[in-house]
Amino acid sequence: MNVDYRGHETALALSKKISELVHKHGKEIKIMHVCGTHEASITRFGVRSLLPDNLKVVMGPGCPVCITPQGEIDAAIKLAKDGIKVATYGDLMRVPGTEGSLSDSGGDVHMVGSITHAIELAKKTIEDVVFVGVGFETTAPTTSVALLQKLPSNFSIMCSHRLIPPALRWLLERVSESKAQIDGFLLPGHVCTIIGLRPFEEFPVPQVVAGFEPNDVLYGLYLIVKQIVNGEHKVENAYPRVVHYEGNVKAQALMRRTFDVVDLEWRGFPVIPDSGYAIKHDFELHDAQRRYSLDFTSREVKTGCICNLILQGLKAPTDCRLFAKVCAPHKAVGPCMVSAEGACNIWYKNQ
């Protein structure tokens, strides 16, 4: 099927095909995506309004800032309060830890657009600089490239990179143990650009990687629903103009050289096996966790926020009693309202 990625008529045609298939299936279908950019497209362009009532599309843990656990935020705040220059992306600066955020820590905190900017900051000072590197497989290769350079001796990295496939495995295991429902995954185009399709082939549900235009999303949903109706489960590529089956093999090789795969906590989740990266011992001089003996232990904080349930696809932002009342982008209680890729932030800006 040739897809016009923006055309109104194509959107309506896809909507009709999806409705016909869902009606034929006769049961409620729940599809999860794991990408903040997908949620932004779905919400901004009203994609859900084109879907039948018994097709639910929910956002899972697709916001890297949102799933960075409170313990890692607390560790970054401690660095700042101890007089170390901390550099990170803008969204992460406002994510709440146990007590406040980086932006209100009173420390020397710098917003940067990339790890390269953080390295340049370190070159201009004799003081220690720590870059807090968050993100999924999409941004991890940039950290790898930096580690393979000759870095300033006063520069180190707090590695907070996480991996999408293990989170999907955890979600499916939870489904098998409970009454939760996930009938298919709309896979993230950015992540699949790096890791390709093979890591998702183990999962026994329909999966389609899609781009980010509204009709990209609708076409991806159409293919997933078609698999469900036909009793199939496979990984399809509806984003071939960017994503290839093998992914970016050079980026994958870089990550293998610089990172070990480890068990990590995700905010809103327990520790997920093999779900994150730690910097290899070969690069320990630039590993902030080792250099400063950082403690990433999270402490329970009760705020009434339900970001954990939103990140697991169990609730929508509007199910939260704080949404758009106590919690708003300028006074966020939870991380999903802070980040531009968070479901709460996206729903608030498009309500």
C-alpha atoms as a PDB file:
ATOM      1  CA  MET A   1       0.000   0.000   0.000  1.00  0.00           C
ATOM      2  CA  ASN A   2       1.381   3.401  -0.996  1.00  0.00           C
ATOM      3  CA  VAL A   3       0.972   5.837   1.884  1.00  0.00           C
ATOM      4  CA  ASP A   4       0.559   9.596   1.572  1.00  0.00           C
ATOM      5  CA  TYR A   5       2.111  10.557   4.904  1.00  0.00           C
ATOM      6  CA  ARG A   6       0.123  13.769   5.315  1.00  0.00           C
ATOM      7  CA  GLY A   7      -2.952  13.528   3.072  1.00  0.00           C
ATOM      8  CA  HIS A   8      -6.407  13.897   4.604  1.00  0.00           C
ATOM      9  CA  GLU A   9      -7.997  11.436   2.185  1.00  0.00           C
ATOM     10  CA  THR A  10      -5.392   8.798   3.021  1.00  0.00           C
ATOM     11  CA  ALA A  11      -6.084   9.264   6.733  1.00  0.00           C
ATOM     12  CA  LEU A  12      -9.795   8.692   6.204  1.00  0.00           C
ATOM     13  CA  ALA A  13      -9.149   5.645   4.013  1.00  0.00           C
ATOM     14  CA  LEU A  14      -6.866   4.115   6.632  1.00  0.00           C
ATOM     15  CA  SER A  15      -9.386   4.915   9.359  1.00  0.00           C
ATOM     16  CA  LYS A  16     -12.092   3.088   7.406  1.00  0.00           C
ATOM     17  CA  LYS A  17      -9.892   0.016   6.828  1.00  0.00           C
ATOM     18  CA  ILE A  18      -8.951  -0.116  10.523  1.00  0.00           C
ATOM     19  CA  SER A  19     -12.618   0.161  11.569  1.00  0.00           C
ATOM     20  CA  GLU A  20     -13.627  -2.640   9.217  1.00  0.00           C
ATOM     21  CA  LEU A  21     -10.933  -4.932  10.605  1.00  0.00           C
ATOM     22  CA  VAL A  22     -11.732  -4.124  14.242  1.00  0.00           C
ATOM     23  CA  HIS A  23     -15.436  -4.744  13.580  1.00  0.00           C
ATOM     24  CA  LYS A  24     -14.550  -8.086  11.991  1.00  0.00           C
ATOM     25  CA  HIS A  25     -12.461  -9.008  15.045  1.00  0.00           C
ATOM     26  CA  GLY A  26     -15.360  -8.249  17.367  1.00  0.00           C
ATOM     27  CA  LYS A  27     -13.254  -7.763  20.517  1.00  0.00           C
ATOM     28  CA  GLU A  28     -11.524  -4.808  22.118  1.00  0.00           C
ATOM     29  CA  ILE A  29      -7.957  -4.340  20.906  1.00  0.00           C
ATOM     30  CA  LYS A  30      -5.263  -2.573  22.916  1.00  0.00           C
ATOM     31  CA  ILE A  31      -2.078  -1.455  21.177  1.00  0.00           C
ATOM     32  CA  MET A  32       0.862   0.103  23.005  1.00  0.00           C
ATOM     33  CA  HIS A  33       3.437   2.425  21.502  1.00  0.00           C
ATOM     34  CA  VAL A  34       6.714   3.253  23.242  1.00  0.00           C
ATOM     35  CA  CYS A  35       7.725   6.625  21.822  1.00  0.00           C
ATOM     36  CA  GLY A  36       6.998  10.165  22.985  1.00  0.00           C
ATOM     37  CA  THR A  37       7.159  11.415  19.402  1.00  0.00           C
ATOM     38  CA  HIS A  38       4.445   8.938  18.432  1.00  0.00           C
ATOM     39  CA  GLU A  39       2.278  10.193  21.281  1.00  0.00           C
ATOM     40  CA  ALA A  40       2.832  13.798  20.198  1.00  0.00           C
ATOM     41  CA  SER A  41       1.710  12.974  16.650  1.00  0.00           C
ATOM     42  CA  ILE A  42      -1.269  10.899  17.808  1.00  0.00           C
ATOM     43  CA  THR A  43      -2.503  13.587  20.193  1.00  0.00           C
ATOM     44  CA  ARG A  44      -1.709  16.698  18.168  1.00  0.00           C
ATOM     45  CA  PHE A  45      -3.381  15.406  14.996  1.00  0.00           C
ATOM     46  CA  GLY A  46      -6.323  13.727  16.705  1.00  0.00           C
ATOM     47  CA  VAL A  47      -5.450  10.239  15.484  1.00  0.00           C
ATOM     48  CA  ARG A  48      -7.478   8.595  18.263  1.00  0.00           C
ATOM     49  CA  SER A  49     -10.611  10.373  16.984  1.00  0.00           C
ATOM     50  CA  LEU A  50     -10.248   8.420  13.725  1.00  0.00           C
ATOM     51  CA  LEU A  51     -10.201   5.056  15.486  1.00  0.00           C
ATOM     52  CA  PRO A  52     -13.163   2.890  16.498  1.00  0.00           C
ATOM     53  CA  ASP A  53     -14.118   2.950  20.182  1.00  0.00           C
ATOM     54  CA  ASN A  54     -12.948  -0.613  20.810  1.00  0.00           C
ATOM     55  CA  LEU A  55      -9.416   0.086  19.555  1.00  0.00           C
ATOM     56  CA  LYS A  56      -7.328   1.601  22.341  1.00  0.00           C
ATOM     57  CA  VAL A  57      -3.875   3.063  21.713  1.00  0.00           C
ATOM     58  CA  VAL A  58      -1.860   3.718  24.879  1.00  0.00           C
ATOM     59  CA  MET A  59       1.613   5.047  25.573  1.00  0.00           C
ATOM     60  CA  GLY A  60       4.087   2.861  27.406  1.00  0.00           C
ATOM     61  CA  PRO A  61       7.585   3.688  28.721  1.00  0.00           C
ATOM     62  CA  GLY A  62       8.639   5.629  25.643  1.00  0.00           C
ATOM     63  CA  CYS A  63       9.872   8.808  27.336  1.00  0.00           C
ATOM     64  CA  PRO A  64      13.523   8.440  28.438  1.00  0.00           C
ATOM     65  CA  VAL A  65      13.389  11.393  30.828  1.00  0.00           C
ATOM     66  CA  CYS A  66      10.190  10.069  32.395  1.00  0.00           C
ATOM     67  CA  ILE A  67      11.612   6.641  33.194  1.00  0.00           C
ATOM     68  CA  THR A  68      14.879   7.927  34.714  1.00  0.00           C
ATOM     69  CA  PRO A  69      14.432   6.854  38.341  1.00  0.00           C
ATOM     70  CA  GLN A  70      14.297   9.206  41.254  1.00  0.00           C
ATOM     71  CA  GLY A  71      17.515   7.733  42.712  1.00  0.00           C
ATOM     72  CA  GLU A  72      19.528   8.828  39.679  1.00  0.00           C
ATOM     73  CA  ILE A  73      17.991  12.298  39.803  1.00  0.00           C
ATOM     74  CA  ASP A  74      18.925  12.495  43.508  1.00  0.00           C
ATOM     75  CA  ALA A  75      22.504  11.457  42.693  1.00  0.00           C
ATOM     76  CA  ALA A  76      22.798  14.209  40.062  1.00  0.00           C
ATOM     77  CA  ILE A  77      21.383  16.760  42.508  1.00  0.00           C
ATOM     78  CA  LYS A  78      23.936  15.698  45.134  1.00  0.00           C
ATOM     79  CA  LEU A  79      26.738  16.266  42.633  1.00  0.00           C
ATOM     80  CA  ALA A  80      25.447  19.774  41.947  1.00  0.00           C
ATOM     81  CA  LYS A  81      25.106  20.570  45.648  1.00  0.00           C
ATOM     82  CA  ASP A  82      28.660  19.289  46.226  1.00  0.00           C
ATOM     83  CA  GLY A  83      29.972  21.961  43.861  1.00  0.00           C
ATOM     84  CA  ILE A  84      30.427  19.878  40.721  1.00  0.00           C
ATOM     85  CA  LYS A  85      29.272  21.324  37.423  1.00  0.00           C
ATOM     86  CA  VAL A  86      26.407  19.209  36.099  1.00  0.00           C
ATOM     87  CA  ALA A  87      25.415  19.320  32.430  1.00  0.00           C
ATOM     88  CA  THR A  88      22.353  17.648  30.948  1.00  0.00           C
ATOM     89  CA  TYR A  89      19.363  18.094  28.659  1.00  0.00           C
ATOM     90  CA  GLY A  90      16.748  20.722  29.466  1.00  0.00           C
ATOM     91  CA  ASP A  91      13.878  18.355  30.304  1.00  0.00           C
ATOM     92  CA  LEU A  92      15.908  16.401  32.843  1.00  0.00           C
ATOM     93  CA  MET A  93      16.762  19.562  34.768  1.00  0.00           C
ATOM     94  CA  ARG A  94      13.164  19.873  35.992  1.00  0.00           C
ATOM     95  CA  VAL A  95      12.384  16.223  36.764  1.00  0.00           C
ATOM     96  CA  PRO A  96      11.609  15.877  40.481  1.00  0.00           C
ATOM     97  CA  GLY A  97      13.806  13.847  42.776  1.00  0.00           C
ATOM     98  CA  THR A  98      13.130  13.211  46.445  1.00  0.00           C
ATOM     99  CA  GLU A  99      13.531  16.895  47.259  1.00  0.00           C
ATOM    100  CA  GLY A 100      13.312  19.232  44.291  1.00  0.00           C
ATOM    101  CA  SER A 101      15.042  19.020  40.931  1.00  0.00           C
ATOM    102  CA  LEU A 102      18.369  19.903  39.360  1.00  0.00           C
ATOM    103  CA  SER A 103      17.053  23.284  38.264  1.00  0.00           C
ATOM    104  CA  ASP A 104      16.253  24.352  41.829  1.00  0.00           C
ATOM    105  CA  SER A 105      19.215  22.607  43.501  1.00  0.00           C
ATOM    106  CA  GLY A 106      21.203  25.830  43.798  1.00  0.00           C
ATOM    107  CA  GLY A 107      24.152  24.115  42.136  1.00  0.00           C
ATOM    108  CA  ASP A 108      26.081  24.934  38.974  1.00  0.00           C
ATOM    109  CA  VAL A 109      23.779  23.212  36.474  1.00  0.00           C
ATOM    110  CA  HIS A 110      24.105  23.707  32.726  1.00  0.00           C
ATOM    111  CA  MET A 111      21.573  22.895  30.015  1.00  0.00           C
ATOM    112  CA  VAL A 112      23.269  21.432  26.930  1.00  0.00           C
ATOM    113  CA  GLY A 113      22.014  20.185  23.606  1.00  0.00           C
ATOM    114  CA  SER A 114      24.462  17.296  23.326  1.00  0.00           C
ATOM    115  CA  ILE A 115      27.321  15.545  25.063  1.00  0.00           C
ATOM    116  CA  THR A 116      29.667  17.477  22.770  1.00  0.00           C
ATOM    117  CA  HIS A 117      28.564  20.716  24.393  1.00  0.00           C
ATOM    118  CA  ALA A 118      29.243  19.240  27.826  1.00  0.00           C
ATOM    119  CA  ILE A 119      32.767  18.236  26.762  1.00  0.00           C
ATOM    120  CA  GLU A 120      33.399  21.773  25.501  1.00  0.00           C
ATOM    121  CA  LEU A 121      32.250  23.082  28.888  1.00  0.00           C
ATOM    122  CA  ALA A 122      34.803  20.849  30.620  1.00  0.00           C
ATOM    123  CA  LYS A 123      37.590  22.087  28.346  1.00  0.00           C
ATOM    124  CA  LYS A 124      36.922  25.671  29.455  1.00  0.00           C
ATOM    125  CA  THR A 125      37.296  25.058  33.189  1.00  0.00           C
ATOM    126  CA  ILE A 126      39.535  23.262  35.667  1.00  0.00           C
ATOM    127  CA  GLU A 127      36.485  22.237  37.725  1.00  0.00           C
ATOM    128  CA  ASP A 128      34.917  18.806  37.450  1.00  0.00           C
ATOM    129  CA  VAL A 129      32.064  18.472  34.946  1.00  0.00           C
ATOM    130  CA  VAL A 130      29.568  15.585  34.929  1.00  0.00           C
ATOM    131  CA  PHE A 131      27.286  14.977  31.974  1.00  0.00           C
ATOM    132  CA  VAL A 132      24.064  13.158  32.881  1.00  0.00           C
ATOM    133  CA  GLY A 133      23.435  11.082  29.780  1.00  0.00           C
ATOM    134  CA  VAL A 134      19.858   9.849  29.461  1.00  0.00           C
ATOM    135  CA  GLY A 135      18.099   8.214  26.544  1.00  0.00           C
ATOM    136  CA  PHE A 136      17.369   4.921  24.862  1.00  0.00           C
ATOM    137  CA  GLU A 137      19.362   3.222  22.106  1.00  0.00           C
ATOM    138  CA  THR A 138      18.816   6.356  20.025  1.00  0.00           C
ATOM    139  CA  THR A 139      21.199   8.565  22.009  1.00  0.00           C
ATOM    140  CA  ALA A 140      23.502   5.937  23.556  1.00  0.00           C
ATOM    141  CA  PRO A 141      25.814   5.865  20.486  1.00  0.00           C
ATOM    142  CA  THR A 142      26.683   9.544  21.031  1.00  0.00           C
ATOM    143  CA  THR A 143      27.919   8.633  24.506  1.00  0.00           C
ATOM    144  CA  SER A 144      29.940   5.795  22.982  1.00  0.00           C
ATOM    145  CA  VAL A 145      31.574   8.150  20.484  1.00  0.00           C
ATOM    146  CA  ALA A 146      32.521  10.513  23.318  1.00  0.00           C
ATOM    147  CA  LEU A 147      34.062   7.728  25.434  1.00  0.00           C
ATOM    148  CA  LEU A 148      36.247   6.667  22.520  1.00  0.00           C
ATOM    149  CA  GLN A 149      37.693  10.179  22.223  1.00  0.00           C
ATOM    150  CA  LYS A 150      40.488  11.696  24.319  1.00  0.00           C
ATOM    151  CA  LEU A 151      38.361  13.339  26.980  1.00  0.00           C
ATOM    152  CA  PRO A 152      39.397  16.067  29.449  1.00  0.00           C
ATOM    153  CA  SER A 153      40.513  14.592  32.777  1.00  0.00           C
ATOM    154  CA  ASN A 154      37.883  16.663  34.605  1.00  0.00           C
ATOM    155  CA  PHE A 155      35.009  15.245  32.556  1.00  0.00           C
ATOM    156  CA  SER A 156      32.876  12.216  33.412  1.00  0.00           C
ATOM    157  CA  ILE A 157      29.543  10.729  32.441  1.00  0.00           C
ATOM    158  CA  MET A 158      26.666   9.568  34.618  1.00  0.00           C
ATOM    159  CA  CYS A 159      25.297   6.841  32.371  1.00  0.00           C
ATOM    160  CA  SER A 160      21.480   6.613  32.435  1.00  0.00           C
ATOM    161  CA  HIS A 161      20.862   4.888  29.105  1.00  0.00           C
ATOM    162  CA  ARG A 162      18.138   2.254  28.909  1.00  0.00           C
ATOM    163  CA  LEU A 163      17.068  -0.373  26.386  1.00  0.00           C
ATOM    164  CA  ILE A 164      13.553  -0.735  24.981  1.00  0.00           C
ATOM    165  CA  PRO A 165      13.241  -4.502  24.204  1.00  0.00           C
ATOM    166  CA  PRO A 166      13.735  -5.657  27.834  1.00  0.00           C
ATOM    167  CA  ALA A 167      10.988  -3.258  28.942  1.00  0.00           C
ATOM    168  CA  LEU A 168       8.609  -4.763  26.376  1.00  0.00           C
ATOM    169  CA  ARG A 169       9.552  -8.232  27.636  1.00  0.00           C
ATOM    170  CA  TRP A 170       8.713  -7.138  31.204  1.00  0.00           C
ATOM    171  CA  LEU A 171       5.371  -5.714  30.081  1.00  0.00           C
ATOM    172  CA  LEU A 172       4.412  -8.925  28.285  1.00  0.00           C
ATOM    173  CA  GLU A 173       5.411 -11.011  31.300  1.00  0.00           C
ATOM    174  CA  ARG A 174       3.176  -8.811  33.453  1.00  0.00           C
ATOM    175  CA  VAL A 175       0.334  -9.346  30.979  1.00  0.00           C
ATOM    176  CA  SER A 176       0.720 -13.114  31.279  1.00  0.00           C
ATOM    177  CA  GLU A 177       0.521 -12.858  35.078  1.00  0.00           C
ATOM    178  CA  SER A 178      -2.415 -10.450  35.348  1.00  0.00           C
ATOM    179  CA  LYS A 179      -5.551  -9.194  33.612  1.00  0.00           C
ATOM    180  CA  ALA A 180      -3.635  -6.471  31.787  1.00  0.00           C
ATOM    181  CA  GLN A 181      -3.912  -6.384  28.006  1.00  0.00           C
ATOM    182  CA  ILE A 182      -1.417  -5.669  25.239  1.00  0.00           C
ATOM    183  CA  ASP A 183      -2.396  -7.036  21.823  1.00  0.00           C
ATOM    184  CA  GLY A 184       0.442  -5.480  19.844  1.00  0.00           C
ATOM    185  CA  PHE A 185       3.252  -2.938  19.833  1.00  0.00           C
ATOM    186  CA  LEU A 186       3.748   0.077  17.582  1.00  0.00           C
ATOM    187  CA  LEU A 187       7.550   0.125  17.646  1.00  0.00           C
ATOM    188  CA  PRO A 188       9.615   3.326  17.893  1.00  0.00           C
ATOM    189  CA  GLY A 189      11.149   4.481  14.638  1.00  0.00           C
ATOM    190  CA  HIS A 190      14.120   6.241  16.249  1.00  0.00           C
ATOM    191  CA  VAL A 191      15.164   3.239  18.343  1.00  0.00           C
ATOM    192  CA  CYS A 192      14.692   0.804  15.459  1.00  0.00           C
ATOM    193  CA  THR A 193      16.909   2.987  13.275  1.00  0.00           C
ATOM    194  CA  ILE A 194      19.745   1.990  15.603  1.00  0.00           C
ATOM    195  CA  ILE A 195      18.951  -1.589  16.681  1.00  0.00           C
ATOM    196  CA  GLY A 196      16.857  -2.781  13.737  1.00  0.00           C
ATOM    197  CA  LEU A 197      14.057  -5.337  13.979  1.00  0.00           C
ATOM    198  CA  ARG A 198      15.748  -8.535  15.196  1.00  0.00           C
ATOM    199  CA  PRO A 199      15.605  -7.704  18.961  1.00  0.00           C
ATOM    200  CA  PHE A 200      11.800  -7.638  18.796  1.00  0.00           C
ATOM    201  CA  GLU A 201      11.292 -10.956  17.024  1.00  0.00           C
ATOM    202  CA  GLU A 202      11.105 -12.913  20.287  1.00  0.00           C
ATOM    203  CA  PHE A 203       7.810 -11.313  21.303  1.00  0.00           C
ATOM    204  CA  PRO A 204       4.654 -13.317  20.417  1.00  0.00           C
ATOM    205  CA  VAL A 205       2.473 -10.320  19.524  1.00  0.00           C
ATOM    206  CA  PRO A 206       1.979  -8.283  16.329  1.00  0.00           C
ATOM    207  CA  GLN A 207       4.548  -5.506  16.001  1.00  0.00           C
ATOM    208  CA  VAL A 208       5.067  -2.780  13.434  1.00  0.00           C
ATOM    209  CA  VAL A 209       7.726  -0.073  13.365  1.00  0.00           C
ATOM    210  CA  ALA A 210       6.253   3.203  12.132  1.00  0.00           C
ATOM    211  CA  GLY A 211       7.316   6.739  11.336  1.00  0.00           C
ATOM    212  CA  PHE A 212       5.953   9.863  12.951  1.00  0.00           C
ATOM    213  CA  GLU A 213       3.602  11.543  10.504  1.00  0.00           C
ATOM    214  CA  PRO A 214      -0.048  10.900  11.444  1.00  0.00           C
ATOM    215  CA  ASN A 215      -0.569   8.639   8.442  1.00  0.00           C
ATOM    216  CA  ASP A 216       2.622   6.753   9.338  1.00  0.00           C
ATOM    217  CA  VAL A 217       0.963   5.983  12.657  1.00  0.00           C
ATOM    218  CA  LEU A 218      -2.390   5.066  11.104  1.00  0.00           C
ATOM    219  CA  TYR A 219      -0.713   2.749   8.606  1.00  0.00           C
ATOM    220  CA  GLY A 220       1.240   1.079  11.400  1.00  0.00           C
ATOM    221  CA  LEU A 221      -1.955   0.569  13.403  1.00  0.00           C
ATOM    222  CA  TYR A 222      -3.682  -0.835  10.312  1.00  0.00           C
ATOM    223  CA  LEU A 223      -0.923  -3.421   9.854  1.00  0.00           C
ATOM    224  CA  ILE A 224      -1.049  -4.438  13.523  1.00  0.00           C
ATOM    225  CA  VAL A 225      -4.829  -4.840  13.507  1.00  0.00           C
ATOM    226  CA  LYS A 226      -4.571  -6.810  10.257  1.00  0.00           C
ATOM    227  CA  GLN A 227      -2.130  -9.218  11.929  1.00  0.00           C
ATOM    228  CA  ILE A 228      -4.465  -9.598  14.913  1.00  0.00           C
ATOM    229  CA  VAL A 229      -7.468 -10.394  12.704  1.00  0.00           C
ATOM    230  CA  ASN A 230      -5.405 -12.874  10.675  1.00  0.00           C
ATOM    231  CA  GLY A 231      -4.039 -14.592  13.794  1.00  0.00           C
ATOM    232  CA  GLU A 232      -0.454 -13.611  12.977  1.00  0.00           C
ATOM    233  CA  HIS A 233       2.395 -12.195  15.025  1.00  0.00           C
ATOM    234  CA  LYS A 234       5.479 -10.858  13.300  1.00  0.00           C
ATOM    235  CA  VAL A 235       7.590  -7.710  13.068  1.00  0.00           C
ATOM    236  CA  GLU A 236       6.776  -5.541  10.058  1.00  0.00           C
ATOM    237  CA  ASN A 237       8.606  -2.456   8.862  1.00  0.00           C
ATOM    238  CA  ALA A 238       6.293   0.389   7.863  1.00  0.00           C
ATOM    239  CA  TYR A 239       9.170   2.894   8.015  1.00  0.00           C
ATOM    240  CA  PRO A 240      11.554   1.533   5.354  1.00  0.00           C
ATOM    241  CA  ARG A 241      12.646   4.988   4.269  1.00  0.00           C
ATOM    242  CA  VAL A 242      14.648   5.172   7.518  1.00  0.00           C
ATOM    243  CA  VAL A 243      14.651   1.776   9.289  1.00  0.00           C
ATOM    244  CA  HIS A 244      16.452  -1.313   7.985  1.00  0.00           C
ATOM    245  CA  TYR A 245      16.213  -4.845   9.338  1.00  0.00           C
ATOM    246  CA  GLU A 246      19.774  -4.920  10.687  1.00  0.00           C
ATOM    247  CA  GLY A 247      19.686  -1.339  12.005  1.00  0.00           C
ATOM    248  CA  ASN A 248      22.840   0.739  12.279  1.00  0.00           C
ATOM    249  CA  VAL A 249      25.520  -1.916  12.729  1.00  0.00           C
ATOM    250  CA  LYS A 250      28.301   0.636  13.260  1.00  0.00           C
ATOM    251  CA  ALA A 251      26.397   2.252  16.129  1.00  0.00           C
ATOM    252  CA  GLN A 252      25.732  -1.177  17.629  1.00  0.00           C
ATOM    253  CA  ALA A 253      29.451  -1.996  17.493  1.00  0.00           C
ATOM    254  CA  LEU A 254      30.291   1.263  19.266  1.00  0.00           C
ATOM    255  CA  MET A 255      27.856   0.479  22.069  1.00  0.00           C
ATOM    256  CA  ARG A 256      29.303  -3.016  22.516  1.00  0.00           C
ATOM    257  CA  ARG A 257      32.804  -1.500  22.848  1.00  0.00           C
ATOM    258  CA  THR A 258      31.847   0.987  25.531  1.00  0.00           C
ATOM    259  CA  PHE A 259      28.955  -0.480  27.557  1.00  0.00           C
ATOM    260  CA  ASP A 260      28.064  -3.519  29.600  1.00  0.00           C
ATOM    261  CA  VAL A 261      24.410  -4.571  29.665  1.00  0.00           C
ATOM    262  CA  VAL A 262      23.103  -4.494  33.256  1.00  0.00           C
ATOM    263  CA  ASP A 263      19.908  -4.816  35.290  1.00  0.00           C
ATOM    264  CA  LEU A 264      18.449  -1.376  35.992  1.00  0.00           C
ATOM    265  CA  GLU A 265      15.499   0.227  37.722  1.00  0.00           C
ATOM    266  CA  TRP A 266      13.088   2.281  35.639  1.00  0.00           C
ATOM    267  CA  ARG A 267      10.883   4.942  37.211  1.00  0.00           C
ATOM    268  CA  GLY A 268       7.449   3.418  37.542  1.00  0.00           C
ATOM    269  CA  PHE A 269       8.889  -0.098  37.171  1.00  0.00           C
ATOM    270  CA  PRO A 270      10.965  -2.448  39.291  1.00  0.00           C
ATOM    271  CA  VAL A 271      14.478  -3.412  38.295  1.00  0.00           C
ATOM    272  CA  ILE A 272      14.236  -4.812  34.767  1.00  0.00           C
ATOM    273  CA  PRO A 273      16.846  -7.447  33.834  1.00  0.00           C
ATOM    274  CA  ASP A 274      19.351  -6.493  31.110  1.00  0.00           C
ATOM    275  CA  SER A 275      17.552  -3.196  30.502  1.00  0.00           C
ATOM    276  CA  GLY A 276      20.348  -0.661  30.629  1.00  0.00           C
ATOM    277  CA  TYR A 277      23.949   0.242  30.016  1.00  0.00           C
ATOM    278  CA  ALA A 278      26.863   0.715  32.383  1.00  0.00           C
ATOM    279  CA  ILE A 279      30.203   2.118  31.254  1.00  0.00           C
ATOM    280  CA  LYS A 280      32.856  -0.574  30.827  1.00  0.00           C
ATOM    281  CA  HIS A 281      35.837  -0.677  33.197  1.00  0.00           C
ATOM    282  CA  ASP A 282      38.128   0.350  30.320  1.00  0.00           C
ATOM    283  CA  PHE A 283      36.600   3.812  30.570  1.00  0.00           C
ATOM    284  CA  GLU A 284      36.224   4.013  34.357  1.00  0.00           C
ATOM    285  CA  LEU A 285      38.179   7.287  34.612  1.00  0.00           C
ATOM    286  CA  HIS A 286      35.200   8.955  32.942  1.00  0.00           C
ATOM    287  CA  ASP A 287      32.476   7.004  34.739  1.00  0.00           C
ATOM    288  CA  ALA A 288      30.865   9.376  37.241  1.00  0.00           C
ATOM    289  CA  GLN A 289      29.195   6.556  39.151  1.00  0.00           C
ATOM    290  CA  ARG A 290      32.583   5.038  40.012  1.00  0.00           C
ATOM    291  CA  ARG A 291      34.433   8.335  40.290  1.00  0.00           C
ATOM    292  CA  TYR A 292      32.093   9.781  42.905  1.00  0.00           C
ATOM    293  CA  SER A 293      30.736   6.519  44.407  1.00  0.00           C
ATOM    294  CA  LEU A 294      27.211   7.546  43.465  1.00  0.00           C
ATOM    295  CA  ASP A 295      24.255   5.893  45.156  1.00  0.00           C
ATOM    296  CA  PHE A 296      21.318   5.349  42.786  1.00  0.00           C
ATOM    297  CA  THR A 297      18.968   3.917  45.408  1.00  0.00           C
ATOM    298  CA  SER A 298      15.442   5.335  45.051  1.00  0.00           C
ATOM    299  CA  ARG A 299      13.346   6.267  48.063  1.00  0.00           C
ATOM    300  CA  GLU A 300       9.570   6.124  48.012  1.00  0.00           C
ATOM    301  CA  VAL A 301       7.908   9.524  47.665  1.00  0.00           C
ATOM    302  CA  LYS A 302       4.114   9.740  47.864  1.00  0.00           C
ATOM    303  CA  THR A 303       2.728  12.634  45.839  1.00  0.00           C
ATOM    304  CA  GLY A 304      -0.510  11.278  44.358  1.00  0.00           C
ATOM    305  CA  CYS A 305       1.124  11.159  40.910  1.00  0.00           C
ATOM    306  CA  ILE A 306       0.223   8.113  38.783  1.00  0.00           C
ATOM    307  CA  CYS A 307       3.096   8.378  36.282  1.00  0.00           C
ATOM    308  CA  ASN A 308       4.004   4.779  37.090  1.00  0.00           C
ATOM    309  CA  LEU A 309       0.614   3.563  35.847  1.00  0.00           C
ATOM    310  CA  ILE A 310       0.718   5.850  32.801  1.00  0.00           C
ATOM    311  CA  LEU A 311       4.183   4.558  31.844  1.00  0.00           C
ATOM    312  CA  GLN A 312       2.876   0.990  32.082  1.00  0.00           C
ATOM    313  CA  GLY A 313      -0.089   1.816  29.823  1.00  0.00           C
ATOM    314  CA  LEU A 314      -2.600   1.123  32.597  1.00  0.00           C
ATOM    315  CA  LYS A 315      -3.914   4.683  32.976  1.00  0.00           C
ATOM    316  CA  ALA A 316      -4.300   7.835  30.874  1.00  0.00           C
ATOM    317  CA  PRO A 317      -3.113  11.281  32.006  1.00  0.00           C
ATOM    318  CA  THR A 318      -6.688  12.430  32.589  1.00  0.00           C
ATOM    319  CA  ASP A 319      -7.173   9.574  35.070  1.00  0.00           C
ATOM    320  CA  CYS A 320      -4.815  11.401  37.437  1.00  0.00           C
ATOM    321  CA  ARG A 321      -6.562  13.666  39.945  1.00  0.00           C
ATOM    322  CA  LEU A 322      -3.571  16.049  39.786  1.00  0.00           C
ATOM    323  CA  PHE A 323      -3.654  16.491  36.003  1.00  0.00           C
ATOM    324  CA  ALA A 324      -4.036  20.138  34.896  1.00  0.00           C
ATOM    325  CA  LYS A 325      -4.871  21.103  38.478  1.00  0.00           C
ATOM    326  CA  VAL A 326      -2.014  20.624  40.907  1.00  0.00           C
ATOM    327  CA  CYS A 327       0.233  19.292  38.123  1.00  0.00           C
ATOM    328  CA  ALA A 328       1.014  21.380  35.027  1.00  0.00           C
ATOM    329  CA  PRO A 329       4.195  21.920  32.953  1.00  0.00           C
ATOM    330  CA  HIS A 330       5.208  25.008  34.952  1.00  0.00           C
ATOM    331  CA  LYS A 331       4.669  23.205  38.291  1.00  0.00           C
ATOM    332  CA  ALA A 332       5.058  19.529  37.468  1.00  0.00           C
ATOM    333  CA  VAL A 333       4.586  16.933  40.178  1.00  0.00           C
ATOM    334  CA  GLY A 334       5.623  13.966  38.054  1.00  0.00           C
ATOM    335  CA  PRO A 335       8.120  13.403  35.226  1.00  0.00           C
ATOM    336  CA  CYS A 336       5.420  12.709  32.612  1.00  0.00           C
ATOM    337  CA  MET A 337       4.353  16.350  32.913  1.00  0.00           C
ATOM    338  CA  VAL A 338       7.919  17.686  32.765  1.00  0.00           C
ATOM    339  CA  SER A 339       9.241  16.166  29.572  1.00  0.00           C
ATOM    340  CA  ALA A 340       8.090  17.236  26.128  1.00  0.00           C
ATOM    341  CA  GLU A 341       7.967  13.489  25.371  1.00  0.00           C
ATOM    342  CA  GLY A 342       5.829  12.709  28.420  1.00  0.00           C
ATOM    343  CA  ALA A 343       2.184  11.748  27.917  1.00  0.00           C
ATOM    344  CA  CYS A 344       0.906  14.222  30.525  1.00  0.00           C
ATOM    345  CA  ASN A 345       2.818  17.140  29.016  1.00  0.00           C
ATOM    346  CA  ILE A 346       1.587  16.247  25.519  1.00  0.00           C
ATOM    347  CA  TRP A 347      -2.040  15.877  26.633  1.00  0.00           C
ATOM    348  CA  TYR A 348      -1.895  19.118  28.612  1.00  0.00           C
ATOM    349  CA  LYS A 349      -0.589  21.119  25.646  1.00  0.00           C
ATOM    350  CA  ASN A 350      -3.143  19.630  23.246  1.00  0.00           C
ATOM    351  CA  GLN A 351      -6.268  19.530  25.415  1.00  0.00           C
END
